[in-house]
N, C-alpha and C. Protein backbone atom coordinates (compact mmCIF):
# COMPACT_ATOMS: atom_id res chain seq x y z
N MET A 1 -5.26 -11.10 10.69
CA MET A 1 -4.36 -11.18 9.84
C MET A 1 -4.70 -10.49 8.43
N MET A 2 -6.04 -10.90 8.18
CA MET A 2 -6.86 -10.82 6.80
C MET A 2 -6.92 -9.18 6.70
N LYS A 3 -7.41 -8.68 7.99
CA LYS A 3 -7.60 -7.22 8.15
C LYS A 3 -6.51 -6.50 7.97
N ARG A 4 -5.49 -6.89 8.60
CA ARG A 4 -3.99 -6.27 8.29
C ARG A 4 -3.43 -6.25 7.03
N THR A 5 -3.52 -7.38 6.28
CA THR A 5 -3.36 -7.42 4.88
C THR A 5 -4.08 -6.55 3.95
N GLU A 6 -5.39 -6.39 4.19
CA GLU A 6 -6.33 -5.55 3.49
C GLU A 6 -5.79 -4.05 3.90
N GLU A 7 -5.47 -4.10 4.88
CA GLU A 7 -5.17 -2.45 5.15
C GLU A 7 -3.56 -2.24 4.73
N ARG A 8 -2.91 -3.16 4.63
CA ARG A 8 -1.39 -2.97 3.93
C ARG A 8 -1.80 -2.64 2.30
N ASP A 9 -2.67 -3.34 1.65
CA ASP A 9 -3.09 -3.24 0.29
C ASP A 9 -3.49 -1.90 0.00
N ALA A 10 -4.40 -1.51 1.12
CA ALA A 10 -5.14 -0.20 0.77
C ALA A 10 -3.99 1.06 0.97
N ALA A 11 -3.24 0.79 1.86
CA ALA A 11 -2.23 1.69 2.08
C ALA A 11 -1.11 1.87 0.85
N GLU A 12 -0.91 0.75 0.51
CA GLU A 12 -0.08 0.79 -0.95
C GLU A 12 -0.70 1.36 -1.93
N GLU A 13 -1.92 1.22 -2.19
CA GLU A 13 -2.55 1.84 -3.17
C GLU A 13 -2.60 3.56 -2.96
N ASP A 14 -2.86 3.85 -1.81
CA ASP A 14 -3.01 5.30 -1.31
C ASP A 14 -1.43 6.01 -1.57
N MET A 15 -0.45 5.09 -1.08
CA MET A 15 0.78 5.66 -1.35
C MET A 15 1.30 5.76 -2.82
N GLU A 16 0.80 4.90 -3.53
CA GLU A 16 1.13 4.95 -5.22
C GLU A 16 0.15 6.26 -5.84
N THR A 17 -1.00 6.33 -5.28
CA THR A 17 -1.60 7.64 -5.74
C THR A 17 -1.01 8.75 -5.44
N LEU A 18 -0.68 8.87 -4.10
CA LEU A 18 -0.04 10.31 -3.74
C LEU A 18 1.33 10.37 -4.53
N ASP A 19 1.91 9.31 -4.62
CA ASP A 19 3.63 9.52 -5.24
C ASP A 19 3.09 10.01 -6.82
N GLY A 20 2.09 9.43 -7.32
CA GLY A 20 1.87 9.81 -8.77
C GLY A 20 1.53 11.49 -8.76
N GLU A 21 0.61 11.79 -7.90
CA GLU A 21 0.20 13.33 -7.77
C GLU A 21 1.38 14.11 -7.54
N LEU A 22 2.35 13.50 -6.46
CA LEU A 22 3.66 14.22 -6.29
C LEU A 22 4.46 14.51 -7.41
N VAL A 23 4.63 13.40 -8.06
CA VAL A 23 5.61 13.41 -9.50
C VAL A 23 4.92 14.57 -10.38
N THR A 24 3.70 14.56 -10.22
CA THR A 24 3.00 15.42 -11.27
C THR A 24 3.30 17.01 -10.83
N VAL A 25 3.06 17.26 -9.56
CA VAL A 25 3.39 18.61 -8.85
C VAL A 25 4.76 18.95 -9.13
N LYS A 26 5.51 17.83 -8.85
CA LYS A 26 7.26 18.09 -8.80
C LYS A 26 7.53 18.45 -10.18
N ALA A 27 6.94 17.99 -11.14
CA ALA A 27 7.27 18.20 -12.76
C ALA A 27 7.07 19.55 -12.97
N ARG A 28 5.80 20.18 -12.64
CA ARG A 28 5.35 21.37 -12.79
C ARG A 28 6.26 22.46 -12.04
N ARG A 29 6.68 22.19 -11.00
CA ARG A 29 7.58 23.23 -10.16
C ARG A 29 8.87 23.04 -10.73
N LYS A 30 9.35 21.86 -11.14
CA LYS A 30 10.81 22.02 -11.82
C LYS A 30 10.65 23.05 -13.26
N GLU A 31 9.62 22.58 -13.94
CA GLU A 31 9.21 23.28 -15.41
C GLU A 31 9.22 25.06 -15.00
N ALA A 32 8.56 25.32 -13.84
CA ALA A 32 8.40 26.89 -13.48
C ALA A 32 9.83 27.28 -13.31
N LYS A 33 10.44 26.51 -12.33
CA LYS A 33 11.90 27.09 -12.02
C LYS A 33 12.95 27.11 -13.27
N ARG A 34 12.69 26.03 -14.10
CA ARG A 34 13.55 26.22 -15.42
C ARG A 34 13.28 27.32 -16.23
N ASP A 35 11.77 27.67 -16.18
CA ASP A 35 11.39 28.76 -17.04
C ASP A 35 11.62 30.14 -16.53
N GLY A 36 12.18 30.19 -15.18
CA GLY A 36 12.22 31.52 -14.37
C GLY A 36 10.92 32.00 -13.79
N GLU A 37 9.76 31.09 -13.78
CA GLU A 37 8.49 31.44 -13.49
C GLU A 37 8.27 31.33 -12.14
N GLU A 38 7.20 31.85 -11.44
CA GLU A 38 6.93 31.73 -10.23
C GLU A 38 5.99 30.56 -9.87
N PHE A 39 6.32 29.47 -8.99
CA PHE A 39 5.61 28.55 -8.87
C PHE A 39 4.63 28.53 -7.71
N THR A 40 3.33 28.76 -8.27
CA THR A 40 2.23 29.08 -7.31
C THR A 40 1.68 27.92 -6.53
N GLU A 41 2.08 26.89 -6.60
CA GLU A 41 1.56 25.37 -5.93
C GLU A 41 2.54 25.11 -4.91
N GLU A 42 3.32 25.94 -4.56
CA GLU A 42 4.41 25.60 -3.49
C GLU A 42 3.75 24.99 -2.20
N ALA A 43 2.70 25.55 -1.55
CA ALA A 43 1.87 25.07 -0.62
C ALA A 43 1.31 23.40 -1.08
N GLU A 44 0.73 23.47 -2.20
CA GLU A 44 0.37 21.95 -2.39
C GLU A 44 1.39 21.13 -2.59
N TYR A 45 2.45 21.46 -3.11
CA TYR A 45 3.62 20.72 -3.21
C TYR A 45 4.14 20.07 -1.79
N ARG A 46 4.11 21.18 -0.90
CA ARG A 46 4.72 20.70 0.43
C ARG A 46 3.59 19.98 1.28
N ARG A 47 2.30 19.83 1.00
CA ARG A 47 1.41 19.23 1.64
C ARG A 47 1.34 17.74 0.95
N LEU A 48 1.53 17.86 -0.16
CA LEU A 48 1.58 16.35 -0.79
C LEU A 48 2.84 15.75 -0.48
N LYS A 49 4.00 16.53 -0.31
CA LYS A 49 5.35 15.91 0.07
C LYS A 49 5.20 15.11 1.61
N LYS A 50 4.42 15.96 2.50
CA LYS A 50 4.07 15.62 3.84
C LYS A 50 3.30 14.17 3.90
N LYS A 51 2.20 14.56 3.09
CA LYS A 51 1.36 13.23 3.02
C LYS A 51 1.78 12.05 2.37
N CYS A 52 2.83 12.07 1.65
CA CYS A 52 3.46 11.15 0.97
C CYS A 52 4.63 10.48 1.92
N LYS A 53 5.13 11.28 2.81
CA LYS A 53 5.96 10.76 3.79
C LYS A 53 5.11 9.96 4.85
N LYS A 54 3.91 10.31 5.20
CA LYS A 54 3.25 9.46 6.26
C LYS A 54 2.78 8.38 5.62
N ALA A 55 2.19 8.45 4.24
CA ALA A 55 1.80 7.16 3.61
C ALA A 55 2.76 6.25 3.52
N HIS A 56 4.00 6.53 3.31
CA HIS A 56 5.14 5.47 3.23
C HIS A 56 5.28 5.07 4.72
N ALA A 57 5.24 5.65 5.62
CA ALA A 57 5.59 5.46 7.09
C ALA A 57 4.46 4.44 7.41
N LYS A 58 3.48 4.66 7.14
CA LYS A 58 2.15 3.92 7.45
C LYS A 58 2.41 2.37 6.57
N TYR A 59 2.72 2.69 5.42
CA TYR A 59 3.00 1.12 4.53
C TYR A 59 3.79 0.45 5.17
N ASN A 60 4.98 1.12 5.33
CA ASN A 60 6.21 0.29 6.07
C ASN A 60 5.69 -0.35 7.22
N ARG A 61 5.00 0.35 8.11
CA ARG A 61 4.58 -0.06 9.61
C ARG A 61 3.61 -1.47 9.14
N LEU A 62 2.74 -1.20 8.26
CA LEU A 62 1.92 -2.31 8.05
C LEU A 62 2.46 -3.47 7.47
N VAL A 63 3.65 -3.27 6.41
CA VAL A 63 4.30 -4.44 5.80
C VAL A 63 4.87 -5.09 6.97
N GLN A 64 5.52 -4.43 7.97
CA GLN A 64 6.29 -5.03 9.14
C GLN A 64 5.29 -5.83 10.05
N GLU A 65 4.03 -5.36 10.27
CA GLU A 65 2.99 -6.04 10.95
C GLU A 65 2.68 -7.18 10.28
N VAL A 66 2.41 -7.41 9.05
CA VAL A 66 1.97 -8.34 8.37
C VAL A 66 3.08 -9.35 8.42
N GLU A 67 4.25 -8.97 8.25
CA GLU A 67 5.33 -9.92 8.30
C GLU A 67 5.62 -10.71 9.47
N ARG A 68 5.28 -9.86 10.60
CA ARG A 68 5.38 -10.36 12.02
C ARG A 68 4.20 -11.34 12.22
N LEU A 69 3.00 -11.21 11.62
CA LEU A 69 1.89 -11.86 11.94
C LEU A 69 2.14 -13.21 11.00
N GLU A 70 2.83 -13.17 10.04
CA GLU A 70 2.96 -14.30 8.97
C GLU A 70 4.12 -15.17 9.54
N LYS A 71 5.09 -14.62 10.36
CA LYS A 71 5.97 -15.39 11.41
C LYS A 71 5.33 -16.04 12.39
N LEU A 72 4.45 -15.30 12.96
CA LEU A 72 3.92 -15.80 14.27
C LEU A 72 2.83 -16.95 13.77
N LEU A 73 2.08 -16.86 12.86
CA LEU A 73 1.37 -18.01 12.32
C LEU A 73 1.92 -19.01 11.34
N GLY A 74 3.20 -18.88 10.99
CA GLY A 74 4.03 -19.89 10.43
C GLY A 74 3.92 -19.67 8.90
N TYR A 75 3.46 -18.60 8.26
CA TYR A 75 3.35 -18.30 7.01
C TYR A 75 4.56 -18.02 6.13
N ASP A 76 5.60 -17.78 6.94
CA ASP A 76 6.84 -17.30 6.24
C ASP A 76 7.60 -18.30 5.33
N ASP A 77 8.08 -17.61 4.14
CA ASP A 77 8.71 -18.43 3.13
C ASP A 77 9.75 -19.37 3.67
N LYS A 78 10.57 -18.66 4.42
CA LYS A 78 11.75 -19.63 4.92
C LYS A 78 11.45 -20.98 5.55
N SER A 79 10.34 -20.77 6.47
CA SER A 79 9.98 -22.19 7.27
C SER A 79 9.29 -22.84 6.28
N THR A 80 8.40 -22.82 5.27
CA THR A 80 7.72 -23.54 4.54
C THR A 80 9.04 -23.97 3.55
N GLY A 81 9.86 -23.13 3.18
CA GLY A 81 11.00 -23.57 2.24
C GLY A 81 11.78 -24.59 2.67
N ASP A 82 12.00 -24.61 4.00
CA ASP A 82 12.85 -25.58 4.73
C ASP A 82 12.26 -26.95 4.96
N VAL A 83 10.80 -26.89 5.08
CA VAL A 83 9.93 -28.10 5.27
C VAL A 83 9.88 -28.72 3.87
N SER A 84 9.73 -28.18 2.93
CA SER A 84 9.46 -28.74 1.61
C SER A 84 10.82 -29.51 1.09
N SER A 85 11.95 -28.76 1.15
CA SER A 85 13.19 -29.16 0.79
C SER A 85 13.69 -30.35 1.66
N SER A 86 13.53 -30.29 2.99
CA SER A 86 13.84 -31.38 3.82
C SER A 86 12.87 -32.89 3.53
N SER A 87 11.59 -32.52 3.07
CA SER A 87 10.57 -33.70 2.81
C SER A 87 11.01 -34.04 1.37
N SER A 88 11.25 -33.26 0.46
CA SER A 88 11.70 -33.68 -0.85
C SER A 88 12.83 -34.43 -0.85
N SER A 89 13.91 -34.29 -0.02
CA SER A 89 15.05 -35.13 -0.02
C SER A 89 14.91 -36.31 0.55
N SER A 90 13.93 -36.25 1.55
CA SER A 90 13.82 -37.68 2.37
C SER A 90 13.01 -38.63 1.36
N PHE A 91 12.14 -38.09 0.30
CA PHE A 91 11.59 -39.04 -0.73
C PHE A 91 12.35 -39.59 -1.73
N GLY A 92 13.64 -38.80 -1.91
CA GLY A 92 14.57 -39.45 -2.79
C GLY A 92 15.46 -40.35 -2.21
N GLN A 93 15.54 -40.74 -0.94
CA GLN A 93 16.44 -41.59 -0.49
C GLN A 93 15.75 -43.07 -0.16
């Protein structure tokens, strides 16, 4: 589980880095179109867009895997929330 959590965190960092790069290139692309200039980085833009899509898919897959493992091991918030609320209500009685 720790390995998957580390992979998920690394995938999130990669995704955020790629998103930042894509935003930068996208802004230059938009500015070039607005000014009527030719955008010379179209290949780079498409490559980044494709990498971002893959990074998001990888991150989402790892999030689901970690959530599945947390449920399997009993770490999910709902089960711990139910236990604490039922035990706190029994103390009051």
